[in-house]
N, C-alpha and C. Protein backbone atom coordinates (compact mmCIF):
# COMPACT_ATOMS: atom_id res chain seq x y z
N UNK A 1 -14.38 -20.38 15.23
CA UNK A 1 -12.88 -20.39 15.80
C UNK A 1 -13.10 -18.53 16.11
N UNK A 2 -12.46 -18.44 17.10
CA UNK A 2 -12.49 -16.76 17.54
C UNK A 2 -10.66 -16.27 16.56
N UNK A 3 -10.92 -15.53 16.77
CA UNK A 3 -9.77 -14.83 16.09
C UNK A 3 -8.38 -15.16 16.21
N UNK A 4 -8.40 -15.01 17.76
CA UNK A 4 -6.93 -15.24 18.89
C UNK A 4 -6.73 -16.85 18.06
N UNK A 5 -7.76 -17.55 18.29
CA UNK A 5 -7.21 -19.51 18.54
C UNK A 5 -7.04 -19.33 16.33
N UNK A 6 -7.83 -18.41 15.42
CA UNK A 6 -6.95 -18.27 14.52
C UNK A 6 -5.98 -18.11 13.97
N UNK A 7 -5.58 -16.76 14.81
CA UNK A 7 -3.99 -16.34 14.58
C UNK A 7 -2.77 -17.56 15.98
N UNK A 8 -3.25 -17.78 16.41
CA UNK A 8 -2.61 -19.33 17.08
C UNK A 8 -2.06 -20.36 16.27
N UNK A 9 -3.09 -20.77 15.35
CA UNK A 9 -3.27 -21.57 14.88
C UNK A 9 -2.77 -20.68 13.49
N UNK A 10 -2.26 -20.24 12.92
CA UNK A 10 -1.99 -19.62 11.62
C UNK A 10 0.08 -19.32 12.21
N UNK A 11 0.13 -19.15 13.18
CA UNK A 11 1.29 -18.87 13.39
C UNK A 11 2.15 -20.52 13.55
N UNK A 12 1.28 -21.29 14.27
CA UNK A 12 1.82 -22.44 14.29
C UNK A 12 2.21 -23.71 12.91
N UNK A 13 0.93 -23.27 11.91
CA UNK A 13 1.10 -23.58 10.41
C UNK A 13 2.20 -23.07 9.87
N UNK A 14 2.35 -21.74 10.40
CA UNK A 14 3.75 -21.13 9.37
C UNK A 14 4.94 -21.30 9.71
N UNK A 15 5.00 -21.70 11.21
CA UNK A 15 6.38 -22.37 12.01
C UNK A 15 6.54 -23.84 11.12
N UNK A 16 5.57 -24.66 11.26
CA UNK A 16 5.92 -25.66 10.26
C UNK A 16 6.28 -25.88 9.14
N UNK A 17 5.75 -24.98 8.01
CA UNK A 17 5.97 -24.42 7.03
C UNK A 17 7.19 -24.52 6.86
N UNK A 18 7.89 -23.26 7.59
CA UNK A 18 9.61 -23.03 7.57
C UNK A 18 10.15 -24.07 8.06
N UNK A 19 9.92 -24.89 9.01
CA UNK A 19 10.63 -26.10 9.69
C UNK A 19 10.71 -27.04 8.06
N UNK A 20 9.31 -27.13 7.49
CA UNK A 20 9.36 -28.10 6.38
C UNK A 20 10.53 -27.69 5.13
N UNK A 21 10.40 -26.55 4.91
CA UNK A 21 11.03 -25.73 3.63
C UNK A 21 12.49 -26.27 3.95
N UNK A 22 12.98 -25.77 5.22
CA UNK A 22 14.59 -25.99 5.85
C UNK A 22 15.02 -27.91 5.64
N UNK A 23 13.93 -28.57 5.91
CA UNK A 23 14.12 -29.84 5.83
C UNK A 23 14.39 -30.42 4.71
N UNK A 24 13.38 -29.79 3.93
CA UNK A 24 13.60 -30.08 2.32
C UNK A 24 14.69 -29.27 1.50
N UNK A 25 15.01 -28.30 2.20
CA UNK A 25 16.15 -28.04 1.63
C UNK A 25 17.59 -28.52 1.49
N UNK A 26 17.64 -29.45 3.26
CA UNK A 26 18.64 -29.76 3.51
C UNK A 26 18.67 -31.16 3.31
N UNK A 27 17.19 -31.94 2.86
CA UNK A 27 17.15 -33.26 2.12
C UNK A 27 18.19 -33.40 0.38
N UNK A 28 17.72 -32.09 0.27
CA UNK A 28 17.89 -31.59 -1.38
C UNK A 28 19.24 -31.42 -1.74
N UNK A 29 19.86 -30.97 -0.31
CA UNK A 29 21.43 -30.79 -0.70
C UNK A 29 22.27 -32.61 -0.81
N UNK A 30 21.78 -33.68 0.31
CA UNK A 30 22.50 -34.52 0.37
C UNK A 30 22.23 -35.14 -0.95
N UNK A 31 23.54 -35.78 -1.11
CA UNK A 31 23.79 -36.75 -2.61
C UNK A 31 22.38 -37.93 -2.79
N UNK A 32 22.45 -38.56 -1.22
CA UNK A 32 21.49 -39.47 -1.83
C UNK A 32 20.07 -39.46 -0.96
N UNK A 33 19.77 -37.99 -1.67
CA UNK A 33 18.40 -37.60 -1.17
C UNK A 33 17.11 -38.79 -1.52
N UNK A 34 16.26 -38.76 -0.19
CA UNK A 34 15.28 -40.05 -0.72
C UNK A 34 13.74 -39.23 -1.46
N UNK A 35 14.07 -40.02 -2.72
CA UNK A 35 13.04 -38.77 -3.50
C UNK A 35 11.49 -38.96 -2.87
N UNK A 36 10.95 -40.39 -2.48
CA UNK A 36 9.92 -40.56 -2.14
C UNK A 36 9.87 -39.60 -0.20
N UNK A 37 10.69 -39.65 0.23
CA UNK A 37 10.25 -38.57 1.62
C UNK A 37 10.41 -37.04 0.95
N UNK A 38 11.18 -37.11 0.60
CA UNK A 38 11.75 -35.51 -0.71
C UNK A 38 9.97 -35.36 -0.73
N UNK A 39 9.33 -35.93 -1.89
CA UNK A 39 7.83 -35.57 -2.43
C UNK A 39 6.97 -35.71 -1.52
N UNK A 40 6.91 -36.23 -0.37
CA UNK A 40 6.00 -36.37 0.84
C UNK A 40 6.30 -35.30 1.65
N UNK A 41 7.41 -34.88 1.95
CA UNK A 41 7.47 -33.41 2.78
C UNK A 41 7.29 -32.38 1.66
N UNK A 42 7.33 -31.96 0.41
CA UNK A 42 6.56 -31.27 -0.17
C UNK A 42 5.26 -31.21 -0.44
N UNK A 43 4.54 -32.43 -0.32
CA UNK A 43 3.02 -32.41 -0.45
C UNK A 43 2.32 -31.83 0.82
N UNK A 44 3.03 -32.04 1.84
CA UNK A 44 2.64 -31.65 2.71
C UNK A 44 2.90 -30.24 3.22
N UNK A 45 3.58 -29.21 2.65
CA UNK A 45 3.98 -28.47 2.66
C UNK A 45 2.97 -27.60 1.99
N UNK A 46 2.56 -28.38 0.86
CA UNK A 46 1.91 -27.79 -0.20
C UNK A 46 0.18 -27.60 0.69
N UNK A 47 0.09 -28.53 1.63
CA UNK A 47 -1.24 -28.95 2.52
C UNK A 47 -1.31 -27.60 3.50
N UNK A 48 0.13 -27.48 3.72
CA UNK A 48 0.11 -26.41 4.89
C UNK A 48 -0.30 -24.92 4.27
N UNK A 49 0.35 -24.88 3.10
CA UNK A 49 -0.01 -23.29 2.57
C UNK A 49 -1.47 -23.03 2.47
N UNK A 50 -1.88 -23.92 1.89
CA UNK A 50 -3.86 -24.05 1.75
C UNK A 50 -4.29 -24.15 3.04
N UNK A 51 -3.59 -24.62 3.83
CA UNK A 51 -4.57 -24.54 5.19
C UNK A 51 -4.30 -22.94 5.95
N UNK A 52 -3.14 -22.49 5.55
CA UNK A 52 -2.56 -20.85 6.22
C UNK A 52 -3.36 -19.92 4.84
N UNK A 53 -3.88 -20.35 3.99
CA UNK A 53 -4.72 -19.39 3.13
C UNK A 53 -5.97 -19.46 3.25
N UNK A 54 -6.50 -20.24 3.76
CA UNK A 54 -7.97 -20.74 4.77
C UNK A 54 -8.17 -19.87 5.70
N UNK A 55 -7.02 -19.66 6.41
CA UNK A 55 -7.37 -19.35 7.75
C UNK A 55 -6.85 -17.80 7.45
N UNK A 56 -6.22 -17.18 6.88
CA UNK A 56 -5.92 -15.94 6.69
C UNK A 56 -7.39 -15.30 5.90
N UNK A 57 -8.28 -16.08 4.74
CA UNK A 57 -9.18 -15.79 4.58
C UNK A 57 -10.24 -16.05 5.69
N UNK A 58 -10.34 -16.44 6.76
CA UNK A 58 -11.10 -16.32 7.48
C UNK A 58 -10.99 -15.07 8.43
N UNK A 59 -9.99 -14.79 8.39
CA UNK A 59 -9.88 -13.37 9.29
C UNK A 59 -9.81 -12.01 8.26
N UNK A 60 -10.13 -12.33 7.59
CA UNK A 60 -10.41 -11.20 6.50
C UNK A 60 -11.94 -10.89 6.24
N UNK A 61 -12.84 -9.73 6.61
CA UNK A 61 -14.13 -10.10 6.39
C UNK A 61 -14.81 -9.58 5.58
N UNK A 62 -15.65 -10.40 4.83
CA UNK A 62 -16.31 -10.35 3.50
C UNK A 62 -16.53 -8.39 3.43
N UNK A 63 -16.17 -8.38 2.54
CA UNK A 63 -16.64 -7.03 2.03
C UNK A 63 -17.68 -6.72 0.77
N UNK A 64 -18.88 -6.13 0.89
CA UNK A 64 -19.93 -6.22 -0.14
C UNK A 64 -20.12 -5.23 -0.71
N UNK A 65 -19.45 -4.86 -2.22
CA UNK A 65 -19.35 -3.54 -2.67
C UNK A 65 -20.36 -3.24 -3.34
C-alpha cells in the first residue's frame, strides 16, 4: 500500500472512530440504552483503534539503532 493510500485509509478510520464515539455517547445518555448495542459499538471502536495503530506504524520507517 502506498503512503497516500494509507493516509486516506487512516482518515476514513479516524472519522468512523469519532462517529462511533459520538454514537456511544448519545446512546449512553439515553435512559433506555441497549447494552448489547452499546457493547458492539465499543468493540467496533476498539478494532478501529487497532487498525489505526497498525496503519500509523506502517507509515513510520523502521530505524535500526
